[in-house]
């Protein structure tokens, strides 16, 4: 059995389908990945776009030399 991994990024909306939620795979993605009914796929979900600067702050005023940082680590802060 030959394993072929195809990674395609697509943005789509989640919609109500009966008692479940579903999403539509756009036709151009179906064609690129040569998907057929019954194929098994693996999905990776990105639920939130993270602004790293906002989450972790800025380091623009951090001017400690590397040697000082290493010394603080060795001393256990």
PDB file of N, CA and C in Angstrom:
ATOM      1  N   UNK A   1       0.840  -1.176   0.000  1.00  0.00           N
ATOM      2  CA  UNK A   1       0.000   0.000   0.000  1.00  0.00           C
ATOM      3  C   UNK A   1       0.887   1.242   0.000  1.00  0.00           C
ATOM      4  N   UNK A   2       0.655   2.137  -0.901  1.00  0.00           N
ATOM      5  CA  UNK A   2       1.426   3.369  -1.028  1.00  0.00           C
ATOM      6  C   UNK A   2       0.717   4.498  -0.294  1.00  0.00           C
ATOM      7  N   UNK A   3       1.454   5.205   0.560  1.00  0.00           N
ATOM      8  CA  UNK A   3       0.891   6.315   1.313  1.00  0.00           C
ATOM      9  C   UNK A   3       1.291   7.615   0.646  1.00  0.00           C
ATOM     10  N   UNK A   4       0.309   8.437   0.347  1.00  0.00           N
ATOM     11  CA  UNK A   4       0.560   9.729  -0.274  1.00  0.00           C
ATOM     12  C   UNK A   4      -0.126  10.788   0.577  1.00  0.00           C
ATOM     13  N   UNK A   5       0.655  11.747   1.043  1.00  0.00           N
ATOM     14  CA  UNK A   5       0.097  12.810   1.878  1.00  0.00           C
ATOM     15  C   UNK A   5      -0.026  14.077   1.053  1.00  0.00           C
ATOM     16  N   UNK A   6      -1.230  14.609   1.005  1.00  0.00           N
ATOM     17  CA  UNK A   6      -1.501  15.863   0.302  1.00  0.00           C
ATOM     18  C   UNK A   6      -2.034  16.843   1.336  1.00  0.00           C
ATOM     19  N   UNK A   7      -1.381  17.984   1.467  1.00  0.00           N
ATOM     20  CA  UNK A   7      -1.837  19.002   2.411  1.00  0.00           C
ATOM     21  C   UNK A   7      -2.364  20.190   1.611  1.00  0.00           C
ATOM     22  N   UNK A   8      -3.632  20.496   1.770  1.00  0.00           N
ATOM     23  CA  UNK A   8      -4.271  21.613   1.082  1.00  0.00           C
ATOM     24  C   UNK A   8      -4.964  22.461   2.138  1.00  0.00           C
ATOM     25  N   UNK A   9      -4.669  23.747   2.134  1.00  0.00           N
ATOM     26  CA  UNK A   9      -5.327  24.653   3.081  1.00  0.00           C
ATOM     27  C   UNK A   9      -6.594  25.207   2.445  1.00  0.00           C
ATOM     28  N   UNK A  10      -7.680  25.146   3.196  1.00  0.00           N
ATOM     29  CA  UNK A  10      -8.948  25.667   2.710  1.00  0.00           C
ATOM     30  C   UNK A  10      -9.705  26.273   3.890  1.00  0.00           C
ATOM     31  N   UNK A  11     -10.403  27.356   3.648  1.00  0.00           N
ATOM     32  CA  UNK A  11     -11.227  27.970   4.686  1.00  0.00           C
ATOM     33  C   UNK A  11     -12.674  27.732   4.318  1.00  0.00           C
ATOM     34  N   UNK A  12     -13.446  27.212   5.252  1.00  0.00           N
ATOM     35  CA  UNK A  12     -14.842  26.897   5.011  1.00  0.00           C
ATOM     36  C   UNK A  12     -15.645  27.104   6.285  1.00  0.00           C
ATOM     37  N   UNK A  13     -16.934  27.257   6.170  1.00  0.00           N
ATOM     38  CA  UNK A  13     -17.795  27.482   7.338  1.00  0.00           C
ATOM     39  C   UNK A  13     -18.369  26.162   7.842  1.00  0.00           C
ATOM     40  N   UNK A  14     -18.581  26.111   9.143  1.00  0.00           N
ATOM     41  CA  UNK A  14     -19.232  24.958   9.765  1.00  0.00           C
ATOM     42  C   UNK A  14     -20.723  25.253   9.795  1.00  0.00           C
ATOM     43  N   UNK A  15     -21.508  24.256   9.385  1.00  0.00           N
ATOM     44  CA  UNK A  15     -22.958  24.443   9.306  1.00  0.00           C
ATOM     45  C   UNK A  15     -23.682  23.308  10.011  1.00  0.00           C
ATOM     46  N   UNK A  16     -24.900  23.577  10.417  1.00  0.00           N
ATOM     47  CA  UNK A  16     -25.755  22.579  11.056  1.00  0.00           C
ATOM     48  C   UNK A  16     -26.230  21.584  10.003  1.00  0.00           C
ATOM     49  N   UNK A  17     -26.137  20.283  10.328  1.00  0.00           N
ATOM     50  CA  UNK A  17     -26.623  19.232   9.443  1.00  0.00           C
ATOM     51  C   UNK A  17     -27.308  18.196  10.318  1.00  0.00           C
ATOM     52  N   UNK A  18     -28.625  18.287  10.428  1.00  0.00           N
ATOM     53  CA  UNK A  18     -29.364  17.424  11.354  1.00  0.00           C
ATOM     54  C   UNK A  18     -28.965  17.783  12.779  1.00  0.00           C
ATOM     55  N   UNK A  19     -28.564  16.776  13.558  1.00  0.00           N
ATOM     56  CA  UNK A  19     -28.109  17.010  14.923  1.00  0.00           C
ATOM     57  C   UNK A  19     -26.593  17.191  14.995  1.00  0.00           C
ATOM     58  N   UNK A  20     -25.936  17.246  13.855  1.00  0.00           N
ATOM     59  CA  UNK A  20     -24.480  17.349  13.809  1.00  0.00           C
ATOM     60  C   UNK A  20     -24.059  18.656  13.153  1.00  0.00           C
ATOM     61  N   UNK A  21     -22.759  18.857  13.085  1.00  0.00           N
ATOM     62  CA  UNK A  21     -22.192  19.961  12.335  1.00  0.00           C
ATOM     63  C   UNK A  21     -21.422  19.390  11.158  1.00  0.00           C
ATOM     64  N   UNK A  22     -21.381  20.133  10.071  1.00  0.00           N
ATOM     65  CA  UNK A  22     -20.706  19.650   8.873  1.00  0.00           C
ATOM     66  C   UNK A  22     -20.028  20.809   8.166  1.00  0.00           C
ATOM     67  N   UNK A  23     -19.124  20.483   7.287  1.00  0.00           N
ATOM     68  CA  UNK A  23     -18.492  21.478   6.443  1.00  0.00           C
ATOM     69  C   UNK A  23     -18.427  20.925   5.030  1.00  0.00           C
ATOM     70  N   UNK A  24     -18.407  21.791   4.066  1.00  0.00           N
ATOM     71  CA  UNK A  24     -18.354  21.403   2.662  1.00  0.00           C
ATOM     72  C   UNK A  24     -16.911  21.477   2.184  1.00  0.00           C
ATOM     73  N   UNK A  25     -16.463  20.461   1.486  1.00  0.00           N
ATOM     74  CA  UNK A  25     -15.147  20.499   0.850  1.00  0.00           C
ATOM     75  C   UNK A  25     -15.364  21.077  -0.547  1.00  0.00           C
ATOM     76  N   UNK A  26     -14.785  22.237  -0.831  1.00  0.00           N
ATOM     77  CA  UNK A  26     -14.994  22.861  -2.147  1.00  0.00           C
ATOM     78  C   UNK A  26     -14.552  21.946  -3.293  1.00  0.00           C
ATOM     79  N   UNK A  27     -15.237  22.061  -4.429  1.00  0.00           N
ATOM     80  CA  UNK A  27     -14.995  21.194  -5.567  1.00  0.00           C
ATOM     81  C   UNK A  27     -13.554  21.250  -6.069  1.00  0.00           C
ATOM     82  N   UNK A  28     -12.924  22.440  -6.046  1.00  0.00           N
ATOM     83  CA  UNK A  28     -11.545  22.514  -6.530  1.00  0.00           C
ATOM     84  C   UNK A  28     -10.604  21.695  -5.638  1.00  0.00           C
ATOM     85  N   UNK A  29     -10.901  21.624  -4.342  1.00  0.00           N
ATOM     86  CA  UNK A  29     -10.104  20.803  -3.423  1.00  0.00           C
ATOM     87  C   UNK A  29     -10.370  19.321  -3.683  1.00  0.00           C
ATOM     88  N   UNK A  30     -11.626  18.980  -3.915  1.00  0.00           N
ATOM     89  CA  UNK A  30     -11.985  17.593  -4.235  1.00  0.00           C
ATOM     90  C   UNK A  30     -11.206  17.125  -5.460  1.00  0.00           C
ATOM     91  N   UNK A  31     -11.132  17.981  -6.465  1.00  0.00           N
ATOM     92  CA  UNK A  31     -10.421  17.625  -7.703  1.00  0.00           C
ATOM     93  C   UNK A  31      -8.912  17.524  -7.472  1.00  0.00           C
ATOM     94  N   UNK A  32      -8.334  18.510  -6.768  1.00  0.00           N
ATOM     95  CA  UNK A  32      -6.884  18.493  -6.509  1.00  0.00           C
ATOM     96  C   UNK A  32      -6.470  17.238  -5.750  1.00  0.00           C
ATOM     97  N   UNK A  33      -7.274  16.846  -4.754  1.00  0.00           N
ATOM     98  CA  UNK A  33      -6.939  15.697  -3.915  1.00  0.00           C
ATOM     99  C   UNK A  33      -7.486  14.393  -4.481  1.00  0.00           C
ATOM    100  N   UNK A  34      -8.199  14.477  -5.614  1.00  0.00           N
ATOM    101  CA  UNK A  34      -8.797  13.295  -6.244  1.00  0.00           C
ATOM    102  C   UNK A  34      -9.652  12.505  -5.247  1.00  0.00           C
ATOM    103  N   UNK A  35     -10.475  13.233  -4.498  1.00  0.00           N
ATOM    104  CA  UNK A  35     -11.321  12.600  -3.494  1.00  0.00           C
ATOM    105  C   UNK A  35     -12.516  11.906  -4.140  1.00  0.00           C
ATOM    106  N   UNK A  36     -12.872  10.792  -3.559  1.00  0.00           N
ATOM    107  CA  UNK A  36     -14.047  10.035  -3.985  1.00  0.00           C
ATOM    108  C   UNK A  36     -14.900   9.739  -2.764  1.00  0.00           C
ATOM    109  N   UNK A  37     -16.180   9.525  -2.967  1.00  0.00           N
ATOM    110  CA  UNK A  37     -17.065   9.157  -1.870  1.00  0.00           C
ATOM    111  C   UNK A  37     -16.527   7.913  -1.174  1.00  0.00           C
ATOM    112  N   UNK A  38     -16.474   7.967   0.141  1.00  0.00           N
ATOM    113  CA  UNK A  38     -15.981   6.831   0.915  1.00  0.00           C
ATOM    114  C   UNK A  38     -14.513   6.940   1.294  1.00  0.00           C
ATOM    115  N   UNK A  39     -13.770   7.890   0.675  1.00  0.00           N
ATOM    116  CA  UNK A  39     -12.371   8.099   1.060  1.00  0.00           C
ATOM    117  C   UNK A  39     -12.300   8.522   2.518  1.00  0.00           C
ATOM    118  N   UNK A  40     -11.230   8.161   3.178  1.00  0.00           N
ATOM    119  CA  UNK A  40     -10.961   8.623   4.534  1.00  0.00           C
ATOM    120  C   UNK A  40      -9.977   9.770   4.452  1.00  0.00           C
ATOM    121  N   UNK A  41     -10.284  10.860   5.150  1.00  0.00           N
ATOM    122  CA  UNK A  41      -9.380  12.010   5.175  1.00  0.00           C
ATOM    123  C   UNK A  41      -9.063  12.344   6.623  1.00  0.00           C
ATOM    124  N   UNK A  42      -7.969  13.058   6.841  1.00  0.00           N
ATOM    125  CA  UNK A  42      -7.616  13.553   8.165  1.00  0.00           C
ATOM    126  C   UNK A  42      -7.664  15.067   8.103  1.00  0.00           C
ATOM    127  N   UNK A  43      -8.321  15.673   9.088  1.00  0.00           N
ATOM    128  CA  UNK A  43      -8.471  17.124   9.099  1.00  0.00           C
ATOM    129  C   UNK A  43      -7.660  17.721  10.242  1.00  0.00           C
ATOM    130  N   UNK A  44      -7.007  18.837   9.982  1.00  0.00           N
ATOM    131  CA  UNK A  44      -6.321  19.614  11.005  1.00  0.00           C
ATOM    132  C   UNK A  44      -7.075  20.933  11.114  1.00  0.00           C
ATOM    133  N   UNK A  45      -7.546  21.267  12.299  1.00  0.00           N
ATOM    134  CA  UNK A  45      -8.375  22.448  12.479  1.00  0.00           C
ATOM    135  C   UNK A  45      -7.590  23.578  13.137  1.00  0.00           C
ATOM    136  N   UNK A  46      -7.766  24.752  12.627  1.00  0.00           N
ATOM    137  CA  UNK A  46      -7.228  25.963  13.244  1.00  0.00           C
ATOM    138  C   UNK A  46      -8.436  26.796  13.649  1.00  0.00           C
ATOM    139  N   UNK A  47      -8.675  26.883  14.944  1.00  0.00           N
ATOM    140  CA  UNK A  47      -9.910  27.483  15.421  1.00  0.00           C
ATOM    141  C   UNK A  47      -9.812  28.972  15.690  1.00  0.00           C
ATOM    142  N   UNK A  48      -8.605  29.474  15.880  1.00  0.00           N
ATOM    143  CA  UNK A  48      -8.473  30.873  16.242  1.00  0.00           C
ATOM    144  C   UNK A  48      -7.148  31.390  15.695  1.00  0.00           C
ATOM    145  N   UNK A  49      -7.201  32.550  15.101  1.00  0.00           N
ATOM    146  CA  UNK A  49      -5.968  33.186  14.665  1.00  0.00           C
ATOM    147  C   UNK A  49      -5.375  33.902  15.861  1.00  0.00           C
ATOM    148  N   UNK A  50      -4.142  33.579  16.199  1.00  0.00           N
ATOM    149  CA  UNK A  50      -3.508  34.127  17.386  1.00  0.00           C
ATOM    150  C   UNK A  50      -2.566  35.262  16.991  1.00  0.00           C
ATOM    151  N   UNK A  51      -2.718  36.394  17.660  1.00  0.00           N
ATOM    152  CA  UNK A  51      -1.796  37.501  17.494  1.00  0.00           C
ATOM    153  C   UNK A  51      -0.717  37.320  18.558  1.00  0.00           C
ATOM    154  N   UNK A  52       0.458  36.817  18.159  1.00  0.00           N
ATOM    155  CA  UNK A  52       1.505  36.490  19.120  1.00  0.00           C
ATOM    156  C   UNK A  52       1.960  37.706  19.915  1.00  0.00           C
ATOM    157  N   UNK A  53       2.047  38.844  19.268  1.00  0.00           N
ATOM    158  CA  UNK A  53       2.469  40.062  19.965  1.00  0.00           C
ATOM    159  C   UNK A  53       1.469  40.408  21.061  1.00  0.00           C
ATOM    160  N   UNK A  54       0.191  40.272  20.763  1.00  0.00           N
ATOM    161  CA  UNK A  54      -0.841  40.577  21.733  1.00  0.00           C
ATOM    162  C   UNK A  54      -0.848  39.536  22.862  1.00  0.00           C
ATOM    163  N   UNK A  55      -0.646  38.264  22.532  1.00  0.00           N
ATOM    164  CA  UNK A  55      -0.681  37.195  23.527  1.00  0.00           C
ATOM    165  C   UNK A  55       0.520  37.222  24.461  1.00  0.00           C
ATOM    166  N   UNK A  56       1.715  37.462  23.894  1.00  0.00           N
ATOM    167  CA  UNK A  56       2.943  37.346  24.664  1.00  0.00           C
ATOM    168  C   UNK A  56       3.637  38.674  24.934  1.00  0.00           C
ATOM    169  N   UNK A  57       3.198  39.741  24.326  1.00  0.00           N
ATOM    170  CA  UNK A  57       3.830  41.029  24.528  1.00  0.00           C
ATOM    171  C   UNK A  57       5.016  41.223  23.602  1.00  0.00           C
ATOM    172  N   UNK A  58       5.622  42.388  23.698  1.00  0.00           N
ATOM    173  CA  UNK A  58       6.741  42.739  22.834  1.00  0.00           C
ATOM    174  C   UNK A  58       8.046  42.665  23.609  1.00  0.00           C
ATOM    175  N   UNK A  59       9.120  42.306  22.950  1.00  0.00           N
ATOM    176  CA  UNK A  59      10.434  42.238  23.581  1.00  0.00           C
ATOM    177  C   UNK A  59      11.323  43.400  23.156  1.00  0.00           C
ATOM    178  N   UNK A  60      10.735  44.464  22.620  1.00  0.00           N
ATOM    179  CA  UNK A  60      11.543  45.543  22.065  1.00  0.00           C
ATOM    180  C   UNK A  60      12.413  46.242  23.109  1.00  0.00           C
ATOM    181  N   UNK A  61      12.028  46.241  24.387  1.00  0.00           N
ATOM    182  CA  UNK A  61      12.823  46.898  25.418  1.00  0.00           C
ATOM    183  C   UNK A  61      13.715  45.929  26.195  1.00  0.00           C
ATOM    184  N   UNK A  62      13.790  44.707  25.750  1.00  0.00           N
ATOM    185  CA  UNK A  62      14.583  43.692  26.427  1.00  0.00           C
ATOM    186  C   UNK A  62      16.004  43.768  25.898  1.00  0.00           C
ATOM    187  N   UNK A  63      16.908  44.303  26.703  1.00  0.00           N
ATOM    188  CA  UNK A  63      18.270  44.536  26.235  1.00  0.00           C
ATOM    189  C   UNK A  63      19.304  43.821  27.085  1.00  0.00           C
ATOM    190  N   UNK A  64      18.920  42.725  27.745  1.00  0.00           N
ATOM    191  CA  UNK A  64      19.883  41.989  28.555  1.00  0.00           C
ATOM    192  C   UNK A  64      20.838  41.235  27.643  1.00  0.00           C
ATOM    193  N   UNK A  65      22.130  41.275  27.958  1.00  0.00           N
ATOM    194  CA  UNK A  65      23.072  40.477  27.177  1.00  0.00           C
ATOM    195  C   UNK A  65      22.890  38.987  27.489  1.00  0.00           C
ATOM    196  N   UNK A  66      23.203  38.171  26.521  1.00  0.00           N
ATOM    197  CA  UNK A  66      23.047  36.724  26.642  1.00  0.00           C
ATOM    198  C   UNK A  66      23.808  36.187  27.847  1.00  0.00           C
ATOM    199  N   UNK A  67      25.010  36.690  28.080  1.00  0.00           N
ATOM    200  CA  UNK A  67      25.815  36.200  29.203  1.00  0.00           C
ATOM    201  C   UNK A  67      25.091  36.408  30.534  1.00  0.00           C
ATOM    202  N   UNK A  68      24.438  37.570  30.694  1.00  0.00           N
ATOM    203  CA  UNK A  68      23.720  37.863  31.933  1.00  0.00           C
ATOM    204  C   UNK A  68      22.534  36.917  32.097  1.00  0.00           C
ATOM    205  N   UNK A  69      21.841  36.653  31.014  1.00  0.00           N
ATOM    206  CA  UNK A  69      20.699  35.730  31.061  1.00  0.00           C
ATOM    207  C   UNK A  69      21.173  34.333  31.460  1.00  0.00           C
ATOM    208  N   UNK A  70      22.266  33.885  30.854  1.00  0.00           N
ATOM    209  CA  UNK A  70      22.795  32.556  31.164  1.00  0.00           C
ATOM    210  C   UNK A  70      23.239  32.472  32.628  1.00  0.00           C
ATOM    211  N   UNK A  71      23.836  33.534  33.145  1.00  0.00           N
ATOM    212  CA  UNK A  71      24.270  33.565  34.538  1.00  0.00           C
ATOM    213  C   UNK A  71      23.060  33.485  35.468  1.00  0.00           C
ATOM    214  N   UNK A  72      21.982  34.212  35.142  1.00  0.00           N
ATOM    215  CA  UNK A  72      20.767  34.154  35.951  1.00  0.00           C
ATOM    216  C   UNK A  72      20.160  32.756  35.946  1.00  0.00           C
ATOM    217  N   UNK A  73      20.213  32.095  34.804  1.00  0.00           N
ATOM    218  CA  UNK A  73      19.681  30.724  34.718  1.00  0.00           C
ATOM    219  C   UNK A  73      20.508  29.806  35.590  1.00  0.00           C
ATOM    220  N   UNK A  74      21.851  29.935  35.520  1.00  0.00           N
ATOM    221  CA  UNK A  74      22.738  29.096  36.330  1.00  0.00           C
ATOM    222  C   UNK A  74      22.501  29.311  37.820  1.00  0.00           C
ATOM    223  N   UNK A  75      22.206  30.547  38.223  1.00  0.00           N
ATOM    224  CA  UNK A  75      21.989  30.865  39.633  1.00  0.00           C
ATOM    225  C   UNK A  75      20.583  30.490  40.077  1.00  0.00           C
ATOM    226  N   UNK A  76      19.710  30.150  39.164  1.00  0.00           N
ATOM    227  CA  UNK A  76      18.342  29.742  39.500  1.00  0.00           C
ATOM    228  C   UNK A  76      17.422  30.918  39.746  1.00  0.00           C
ATOM    229  N   UNK A  77      17.735  32.074  39.202  1.00  0.00           N
ATOM    230  CA  UNK A  77      16.942  33.299  39.346  1.00  0.00           C
ATOM    231  C   UNK A  77      16.813  33.649  40.785  1.00  0.00           C
TER     232      UNK A  77
END
